[in-house]
């Protein structure tokens, strides 16, 4: 039997990203639902694609986060929300080094809108899957902190603990993903920046509560060897994970739910902005994945 050690994780984990895109499909209006349901396996399977590129493409990493705490204090007014103004003030190198997720989401939204307008099946699916990833990342508190994995507070591994271990343990059985349908977003820039600020406001609690719990429980209660898919994994124990989730008072579930609704709403907004093209015309345009990747 193989034994592995698992503390680090990509954002939301592959599990979380796949679930978010999958659940987002069911929040779409009927005019989009049939098309998206046909391709739900692709949208779910390719949700982690941006993470798979992070260490292969030099430009990819900065698209997943923004260390907004390096720009002062809430509401971080020193950082212009417009890309050109931010670059002019801080330089391109600084902006990229500190992360560009809110701006990249807006770029992806433009690409998705164009794909709808062009009736481009492969681009609609690719951009839908990938914008879902970046939107979800913006909802993760530690994606807005330079202490993104607890490396400055002796909490190495907390990144994956919050966004991967908790959802994998609790999402299927205990999280509630019934919610209202997707809504049109009149100002996508204001919307995503507000979600980034919410994430930043929660980042201190993510770190503080885990630190408090670890001091109370002791290191011997933090980890356990548990079998998963035939492999014994050393990871945060189920009891410790549940205790942390309780201290967070449902934060992970709330942010995951908000991610689902936001992804669906961005998809819907792109479709509306493209003139609400008839997606039924694309239903028989090609088989379900894999699609063009470039």
Foldseek 3Di string as FASTA:
>chain_A
DAAAADQAADFLHLVLQLVLLLLLLVQADPLRNVQCVQQSVLLSNCLCVLVVCPVVDVQSVLQLAAQLVVQPDPPSVSADLDPVVNCVVQNPVVRSVRHDNLVVLVVLLVQCLVCLLVVPVLSVSNSLSHSLNSLLSLLALLRHHPCNQVPVPPRGRLNCLLSPVLCVLAVVPHFDQDDHHADADPDSSVVSSVSNSVSPVCNVVSVVLLVVLCVVPDPVQQWDFDDDPNYTYIGGDPVSSVVSCVSSVNSSSVSSSVSSRVSSNSSNNSCVSSVNDRCVVCNPVDHHDDGDDD
